[in-house]
Amino acid sequence: MPNTKSAIRRVRRVKKQAKTNRIRKSKYKNAIKQMETLIKSKDKAKIKNYFPNFQSILMQVAKSGVVNKKTASRKISRISKKI
């Protein structure tokens, strides 16, 4: 239990940050799943339309620090090889 005023505020802030990070991580995972299903469906047009959005989502999540930048780059690279 936090004892000081600053510790109490910090607990509130961390709770809010954790919620935001959870949302970002879920957005990241959903983007990867979406891309994988598009690759399995082999619909080139949909893949080409979604790929820039996919890259954008991954780099936004990496920029915020939820996922490492190199991890996001590696995911993008491996997906682009599959296309």
N, C-alpha and C. Protein backbone atom coordinates (compact mmCIF):
# COMPACT_ATOMS: atom_id res chain seq x y z
N MET A 1 0.84 -1.19 0.00
CA MET A 1 0.00 0.00 0.00
C MET A 1 0.88 1.25 0.00
N PRO A 2 0.58 2.18 -0.88
CA PRO A 2 1.37 3.42 -0.92
C PRO A 2 1.10 4.28 0.32
N ASN A 3 2.17 4.86 0.83
CA ASN A 3 2.04 5.66 2.05
C ASN A 3 2.06 7.16 1.79
N THR A 4 2.85 7.58 0.85
CA THR A 4 2.97 9.02 0.59
C THR A 4 2.00 9.46 -0.50
N LYS A 5 1.78 10.79 -0.57
CA LYS A 5 0.88 11.34 -1.58
C LYS A 5 1.38 11.02 -2.98
N SER A 6 2.68 11.18 -3.16
CA SER A 6 3.25 10.95 -4.50
C SER A 6 3.13 9.48 -4.90
N ALA A 7 3.25 8.58 -3.93
CA ALA A 7 3.11 7.15 -4.21
C ALA A 7 1.68 6.81 -4.59
N ILE A 8 0.73 7.45 -3.96
CA ILE A 8 -0.69 7.25 -4.27
C ILE A 8 -0.97 7.70 -5.70
N ARG A 9 -0.44 8.89 -6.05
CA ARG A 9 -0.61 9.39 -7.42
C ARG A 9 0.06 8.48 -8.43
N ARG A 10 1.22 7.99 -8.06
CA ARG A 10 1.98 7.10 -8.95
C ARG A 10 1.19 5.81 -9.24
N VAL A 11 0.53 5.27 -8.23
CA VAL A 11 -0.28 4.06 -8.41
C VAL A 11 -1.38 4.31 -9.43
N ARG A 12 -2.05 5.48 -9.30
CA ARG A 12 -3.10 5.83 -10.26
C ARG A 12 -2.54 5.94 -11.67
N ARG A 13 -1.38 6.59 -11.77
CA ARG A 13 -0.75 6.80 -13.08
C ARG A 13 -0.33 5.47 -13.73
N VAL A 14 0.25 4.59 -12.93
CA VAL A 14 0.70 3.29 -13.43
C VAL A 14 -0.49 2.46 -13.92
N LYS A 15 -1.60 2.55 -13.18
CA LYS A 15 -2.81 1.82 -13.58
C LYS A 15 -3.29 2.29 -14.95
N LYS A 16 -3.27 3.60 -15.16
CA LYS A 16 -3.69 4.19 -16.43
C LYS A 16 -2.72 3.80 -17.56
N GLN A 17 -1.43 3.82 -17.26
CA GLN A 17 -0.42 3.46 -18.25
C GLN A 17 -0.53 1.99 -18.64
N ALA A 18 -0.80 1.14 -17.66
CA ALA A 18 -0.92 -0.29 -17.91
C ALA A 18 -2.10 -0.56 -18.84
N LYS A 19 -3.20 0.16 -18.62
CA LYS A 19 -4.38 0.01 -19.47
C LYS A 19 -4.05 0.41 -20.91
N THR A 20 -3.36 1.54 -21.06
CA THR A 20 -2.97 2.02 -22.39
C THR A 20 -2.05 1.03 -23.08
N ASN A 21 -1.08 0.51 -22.34
CA ASN A 21 -0.14 -0.46 -22.90
C ASN A 21 -0.85 -1.75 -23.32
N ARG A 22 -1.83 -2.17 -22.53
CA ARG A 22 -2.60 -3.37 -22.87
C ARG A 22 -3.34 -3.17 -24.19
N ILE A 23 -3.92 -1.98 -24.36
CA ILE A 23 -4.64 -1.67 -25.60
C ILE A 23 -3.68 -1.69 -26.78
N ARG A 24 -2.52 -1.08 -26.60
CA ARG A 24 -1.53 -1.05 -27.68
C ARG A 24 -1.03 -2.44 -28.05
N LYS A 25 -0.78 -3.26 -27.03
CA LYS A 25 -0.27 -4.60 -27.29
C LYS A 25 -1.32 -5.44 -28.02
N SER A 26 -2.58 -5.26 -27.65
CA SER A 26 -3.65 -6.01 -28.30
C SER A 26 -3.80 -5.55 -29.76
N LYS A 27 -3.63 -4.25 -29.99
CA LYS A 27 -3.67 -3.70 -31.35
C LYS A 27 -2.56 -4.33 -32.20
N TYR A 28 -1.38 -4.47 -31.61
CA TYR A 28 -0.21 -5.07 -32.26
C TYR A 28 -0.48 -6.53 -32.62
N LYS A 29 -0.99 -7.28 -31.65
CA LYS A 29 -1.27 -8.70 -31.88
C LYS A 29 -2.35 -8.89 -32.93
N ASN A 30 -3.39 -8.06 -32.89
CA ASN A 30 -4.47 -8.15 -33.87
C ASN A 30 -3.98 -7.85 -35.27
N ALA A 31 -3.07 -6.89 -35.40
CA ALA A 31 -2.52 -6.54 -36.71
C ALA A 31 -1.75 -7.73 -37.29
N ILE A 32 -0.97 -8.39 -36.45
CA ILE A 32 -0.19 -9.55 -36.91
C ILE A 32 -1.13 -10.68 -37.32
N LYS A 33 -2.15 -10.96 -36.50
CA LYS A 33 -3.10 -12.01 -36.83
C LYS A 33 -3.83 -11.72 -38.13
N GLN A 34 -4.24 -10.46 -38.30
CA GLN A 34 -4.94 -10.03 -39.51
C GLN A 34 -4.07 -10.27 -40.74
N MET A 35 -2.80 -9.91 -40.63
CA MET A 35 -1.87 -10.06 -41.75
C MET A 35 -1.66 -11.54 -42.07
N GLU A 36 -1.53 -12.36 -41.04
CA GLU A 36 -1.34 -13.80 -41.24
C GLU A 36 -2.55 -14.42 -41.95
N THR A 37 -3.75 -14.02 -41.55
CA THR A 37 -4.95 -14.57 -42.19
C THR A 37 -5.05 -14.11 -43.65
N LEU A 38 -4.64 -12.88 -43.92
CA LEU A 38 -4.63 -12.39 -45.31
C LEU A 38 -3.63 -13.16 -46.15
N ILE A 39 -2.48 -13.48 -45.57
CA ILE A 39 -1.46 -14.25 -46.30
C ILE A 39 -1.97 -15.65 -46.59
N LYS A 40 -2.66 -16.25 -45.61
CA LYS A 40 -3.21 -17.60 -45.81
C LYS A 40 -4.30 -17.60 -46.89
N SER A 41 -5.07 -16.50 -46.96
CA SER A 41 -6.14 -16.42 -47.96
C SER A 41 -5.59 -16.18 -49.37
N LYS A 42 -4.32 -15.71 -49.44
CA LYS A 42 -3.63 -15.47 -50.71
C LYS A 42 -4.32 -14.44 -51.60
N ASP A 43 -4.97 -13.47 -50.97
CA ASP A 43 -5.61 -12.39 -51.73
C ASP A 43 -4.63 -11.22 -51.83
N LYS A 44 -3.91 -11.17 -52.95
CA LYS A 44 -2.83 -10.19 -53.14
C LYS A 44 -3.31 -8.74 -52.98
N ALA A 45 -4.50 -8.44 -53.52
CA ALA A 45 -5.00 -7.06 -53.47
C ALA A 45 -5.21 -6.60 -52.02
N LYS A 46 -5.84 -7.46 -51.22
CA LYS A 46 -6.10 -7.11 -49.82
C LYS A 46 -4.79 -6.99 -49.05
N ILE A 47 -3.85 -7.88 -49.34
CA ILE A 47 -2.56 -7.85 -48.66
C ILE A 47 -1.84 -6.53 -48.96
N LYS A 48 -1.81 -6.14 -50.23
CA LYS A 48 -1.12 -4.90 -50.61
C LYS A 48 -1.79 -3.67 -50.01
N ASN A 49 -3.12 -3.72 -49.86
CA ASN A 49 -3.83 -2.60 -49.25
C ASN A 49 -3.57 -2.52 -47.75
N TYR A 50 -3.47 -3.67 -47.09
CA TYR A 50 -3.34 -3.70 -45.64
C TYR A 50 -1.89 -3.53 -45.16
N PHE A 51 -0.91 -3.89 -46.00
CA PHE A 51 0.49 -3.88 -45.57
C PHE A 51 0.98 -2.53 -45.03
N PRO A 52 0.72 -1.39 -45.71
CA PRO A 52 1.17 -0.11 -45.14
C PRO A 52 0.55 0.20 -43.78
N ASN A 53 -0.72 -0.15 -43.62
CA ASN A 53 -1.41 0.03 -42.35
C ASN A 53 -0.78 -0.86 -41.27
N PHE A 54 -0.45 -2.09 -41.65
CA PHE A 54 0.19 -3.05 -40.76
C PHE A 54 1.54 -2.50 -40.26
N GLN A 55 2.34 -1.99 -41.19
CA GLN A 55 3.64 -1.41 -40.83
C GLN A 55 3.46 -0.24 -39.87
N SER A 56 2.49 0.60 -40.17
CA SER A 56 2.23 1.78 -39.37
C SER A 56 1.86 1.39 -37.93
N ILE A 57 0.99 0.43 -37.79
CA ILE A 57 0.56 -0.01 -36.45
C ILE A 57 1.75 -0.54 -35.66
N LEU A 58 2.56 -1.40 -36.30
CA LEU A 58 3.70 -1.98 -35.61
C LEU A 58 4.71 -0.92 -35.17
N MET A 59 4.97 0.05 -36.04
CA MET A 59 5.95 1.07 -35.68
C MET A 59 5.40 2.03 -34.62
N GLN A 60 4.10 2.28 -34.62
CA GLN A 60 3.49 3.12 -33.57
C GLN A 60 3.65 2.45 -32.21
N VAL A 61 3.40 1.16 -32.18
CA VAL A 61 3.52 0.41 -30.92
C VAL A 61 4.98 0.38 -30.47
N ALA A 62 5.90 0.21 -31.43
CA ALA A 62 7.32 0.19 -31.09
C ALA A 62 7.78 1.56 -30.59
N LYS A 63 7.27 2.62 -31.20
CA LYS A 63 7.63 3.98 -30.81
C LYS A 63 7.22 4.27 -29.37
N SER A 64 6.07 3.74 -28.97
CA SER A 64 5.59 3.98 -27.61
C SER A 64 6.33 3.12 -26.59
N GLY A 65 7.08 2.12 -27.05
CA GLY A 65 7.90 1.31 -26.14
C GLY A 65 7.23 0.06 -25.62
N VAL A 66 6.04 -0.23 -26.10
CA VAL A 66 5.35 -1.44 -25.65
C VAL A 66 6.07 -2.67 -26.19
N VAL A 67 6.53 -2.57 -27.44
CA VAL A 67 7.30 -3.63 -28.08
C VAL A 67 8.61 -3.00 -28.55
N ASN A 68 9.68 -3.76 -28.48
CA ASN A 68 10.98 -3.25 -28.92
C ASN A 68 10.95 -2.91 -30.40
N LYS A 69 11.67 -1.86 -30.79
CA LYS A 69 11.69 -1.41 -32.18
C LYS A 69 12.24 -2.49 -33.11
N LYS A 70 13.26 -3.19 -32.65
CA LYS A 70 13.86 -4.24 -33.47
C LYS A 70 12.90 -5.42 -33.66
N THR A 71 12.10 -5.70 -32.65
CA THR A 71 11.11 -6.77 -32.75
C THR A 71 10.08 -6.42 -33.82
N ALA A 72 9.60 -5.19 -33.79
CA ALA A 72 8.62 -4.74 -34.78
C ALA A 72 9.21 -4.78 -36.18
N SER A 73 10.45 -4.35 -36.32
CA SER A 73 11.11 -4.37 -37.63
C SER A 73 11.28 -5.79 -38.13
N ARG A 74 11.62 -6.70 -37.23
CA ARG A 74 11.79 -8.11 -37.60
C ARG A 74 10.47 -8.71 -38.07
N LYS A 75 9.38 -8.38 -37.37
CA LYS A 75 8.05 -8.88 -37.77
C LYS A 75 7.69 -8.37 -39.16
N ILE A 76 7.92 -7.06 -39.40
CA ILE A 76 7.62 -6.46 -40.70
C ILE A 76 8.43 -7.12 -41.79
N SER A 77 9.70 -7.34 -41.51
CA SER A 77 10.60 -7.95 -42.49
C SER A 77 10.16 -9.36 -42.86
N ARG A 78 9.83 -10.15 -41.85
CA ARG A 78 9.44 -11.54 -42.10
C ARG A 78 8.12 -11.63 -42.85
N ILE A 79 7.20 -10.72 -42.53
CA ILE A 79 5.91 -10.70 -43.25
C ILE A 79 6.13 -10.28 -44.69
N SER A 80 7.00 -9.28 -44.89
CA SER A 80 7.22 -8.81 -46.28
C SER A 80 7.89 -9.89 -47.13
N LYS A 81 8.69 -10.76 -46.51
CA LYS A 81 9.29 -11.88 -47.25
C LYS A 81 8.21 -12.86 -47.71
N LYS A 82 7.19 -13.05 -46.88
CA LYS A 82 6.11 -13.99 -47.21
C LYS A 82 5.24 -13.50 -48.34
N ILE A 83 5.17 -12.18 -48.51
CA ILE A 83 4.30 -11.60 -49.54
C ILE A 83 4.86 -11.88 -50.93
